[in-house]
Amino acid sequence: MKNVPYQCGLDAAIDVIDGKWKVLILWALYERPRRFGATRRALPGISEKVLAAQLRELEADLVVHREVYEDTAVPRVEYSLTELGRDLHDALAPLGAWGDRRIRMLAEQDEASSSLAG
């Protein structure tokens, strides 16, 4: 968590979700808690190094909880969203809906352009 004076709440929120992968990590963990490998498989294209760094940052920002289970032969670690993380996911839902509308509009535009050209 950074100790910088924010200009507004949006500034503070963007500070947490800044970066290509953080919103997608939130999406993956919203579905259910996941171990590191499962989280990586849910996000094709992310490297182990980047995922580990992003998870550490989200944990420092109190958005992700890291639980270590040492009661097994091989200790395992599971990541889940905190209440603050679930709230952030819910706050991002309208932005995702806007993105879905944009995708549909772009597809319709491409379709219209293709039919005019052919």
Protein backbone atom coordinates (compact mmCIF):
# COMPACT_ATOMS: atom_id res chain seq x y z
CA MET A 1 0.00 0.00 0.00
CA LYS A 2 1.43 3.33 -1.02
CA ASN A 3 1.45 6.28 1.33
CA VAL A 4 0.78 9.04 -1.17
CA PRO A 5 -1.77 11.81 -0.93
CA TYR A 6 -4.57 10.97 -3.34
CA GLN A 7 -6.48 13.65 -5.17
CA CYS A 8 -9.75 11.71 -4.96
CA GLY A 9 -11.19 8.24 -4.48
CA LEU A 10 -10.80 7.40 -8.15
CA ASP A 11 -7.08 8.19 -7.89
CA ALA A 12 -6.81 5.74 -4.95
CA ALA A 13 -8.73 3.04 -6.84
CA ILE A 14 -6.66 3.38 -10.01
CA ASP A 15 -3.51 3.08 -7.90
CA VAL A 16 -4.67 -0.39 -6.82
CA ILE A 17 -5.76 -1.70 -10.23
CA ASP A 18 -3.00 -0.09 -12.27
CA GLY A 19 -1.37 -2.56 -14.63
CA LYS A 20 -2.45 -5.03 -17.27
CA TRP A 21 -3.10 -8.02 -15.02
CA LYS A 22 -4.58 -6.83 -11.73
CA VAL A 23 -8.17 -6.54 -12.90
CA LEU A 24 -7.93 -9.99 -14.50
CA ILE A 25 -6.50 -11.43 -11.29
CA LEU A 26 -9.46 -9.93 -9.42
CA TRP A 27 -11.80 -11.56 -11.93
CA ALA A 28 -10.13 -14.97 -11.53
CA LEU A 29 -10.18 -14.85 -7.74
CA TYR A 30 -13.78 -13.60 -7.62
CA GLU A 31 -14.95 -16.92 -9.03
CA ARG A 32 -13.29 -18.84 -6.18
CA PRO A 33 -10.09 -18.96 -4.12
CA ARG A 34 -7.24 -20.36 -6.17
CA ARG A 35 -3.77 -21.68 -5.73
CA PHE A 36 -0.96 -19.95 -7.61
CA GLY A 37 -0.85 -22.48 -10.47
CA ALA A 38 -4.61 -22.42 -10.97
CA THR A 39 -4.57 -18.63 -11.04
CA ARG A 40 -1.82 -18.69 -13.65
CA ARG A 41 -3.76 -21.18 -15.80
CA ALA A 42 -6.82 -18.92 -15.59
CA LEU A 43 -4.74 -16.07 -17.05
CA PRO A 44 -3.01 -17.28 -20.21
CA GLY A 45 -0.03 -15.11 -21.07
CA ILE A 46 0.95 -14.03 -17.57
CA SER A 47 4.41 -15.06 -16.40
CA GLU A 48 5.06 -16.55 -12.96
CA LYS A 49 7.22 -13.55 -12.05
CA VAL A 50 4.54 -11.01 -12.98
CA LEU A 51 1.75 -12.97 -11.28
CA ALA A 52 3.77 -13.27 -8.07
CA ALA A 53 4.55 -9.54 -8.09
CA GLN A 54 0.96 -8.54 -8.83
CA LEU A 55 -0.40 -10.83 -6.11
CA ARG A 56 2.06 -9.34 -3.59
CA GLU A 57 0.95 -5.82 -4.54
CA LEU A 58 -2.74 -6.72 -4.29
CA GLU A 59 -2.08 -8.33 -0.91
CA ALA A 60 -0.26 -5.18 0.29
CA ASP A 61 -3.26 -3.13 -0.89
CA LEU A 62 -5.55 -5.35 1.26
CA VAL A 63 -7.45 -6.62 -1.78
CA VAL A 64 -6.10 -10.20 -1.84
CA HIS A 65 -5.67 -12.58 1.09
CA ARG A 66 -2.85 -15.16 1.02
CA GLU A 67 -3.53 -18.26 3.12
CA VAL A 68 -0.75 -20.77 3.80
CA TYR A 69 -1.88 -24.31 4.66
CA GLU A 70 0.96 -26.11 6.39
CA ASP A 71 -1.09 -29.08 7.60
CA THR A 72 -0.29 -31.10 4.47
CA ALA A 73 2.90 -32.89 3.47
CA VAL A 74 3.65 -30.08 1.05
CA PRO A 75 2.49 -26.67 2.31
CA ARG A 76 0.10 -25.03 -0.10
CA VAL A 77 -0.85 -21.41 -0.60
CA GLU A 78 -4.28 -20.21 -1.65
CA TYR A 79 -5.30 -16.73 -2.74
CA SER A 80 -8.74 -15.21 -2.29
CA LEU A 81 -10.33 -11.80 -2.37
CA THR A 82 -10.83 -9.89 0.84
CA GLU A 83 -14.09 -8.06 1.46
CA LEU A 84 -12.41 -4.95 0.04
CA GLY A 85 -11.36 -6.98 -3.00
CA ARG A 86 -14.91 -8.24 -3.58
CA ASP A 87 -16.18 -4.67 -3.29
CA LEU A 88 -13.59 -3.57 -5.86
CA HIS A 89 -14.66 -6.37 -8.21
CA ASP A 90 -18.29 -5.28 -7.86
CA ALA A 91 -17.31 -1.66 -8.53
CA LEU A 92 -15.56 -2.76 -11.75
CA ALA A 93 -18.60 -4.72 -13.01
CA PRO A 94 -20.18 -1.69 -14.78
CA LEU A 95 -16.86 -1.02 -16.52
CA GLY A 96 -16.84 -4.65 -17.72
CA ALA A 97 -20.40 -4.25 -19.01
CA TRP A 98 -19.33 -1.11 -20.88
CA GLY A 99 -16.43 -3.08 -22.39
CA ASP A 100 -18.81 -5.85 -23.50
CA ARG A 101 -21.01 -3.26 -25.25
CA ARG A 102 -17.95 -1.79 -26.97
CA ILE A 103 -16.84 -5.24 -28.17
CA ARG A 104 -20.31 -5.84 -29.66
CA MET A 105 -20.33 -2.43 -31.34
CA LEU A 106 -16.88 -2.99 -32.85
CA ALA A 107 -17.95 -6.42 -34.12
CA GLU A 108 -21.07 -4.91 -35.70
CA GLN A 109 -18.97 -2.17 -37.26
CA ASP A 110 -16.54 -4.73 -38.70
CA GLU A 111 -19.45 -6.80 -40.00
CA ALA A 112 -21.02 -3.77 -41.69
CA SER A 113 -17.66 -2.80 -43.25
CA SER A 114 -17.14 -6.36 -44.51
CA SER A 115 -20.58 -6.52 -46.12
CA LEU A 116 -20.03 -3.20 -47.89
CA ALA A 117 -16.62 -4.28 -49.19
CA GLY A 118 -17.76 -7.67 -50.43
